[in-house]
Amino acid sequence: MGSAMVATANEIEIFRDGARTTLNVLRTNLEGITHEESLVQPQPAGNCLNWVVGHLVCVYNNFLPLLKQEPVMSKDELKR
């Protein structure tokens, strides 16, 4: 395996580790939250949980091509 392939494999593993950590944090913090609760806008400012999770999905989906991986969803599917 060439050094470029090893570097890519390492980058993918770093991405996977970060994605796993994010998923675990989300599961822990969102346990028991209803859909209605996920739409509540924090006051005085901020984004609802639903928006935050959607943002993470977009970021990870857009990052996949950098790792030579296919996006899971199309840009149209991820539109607001």
Foldseek 3Di string as FASTA:
>chain_A
DDPVVVVLVVVVVVLVVVVVVVVVVCCVVCVPPDPVQQCDADPPHDGGNVVVVLVVLVVSQVCQVVSVHHRPDDVVVSDD
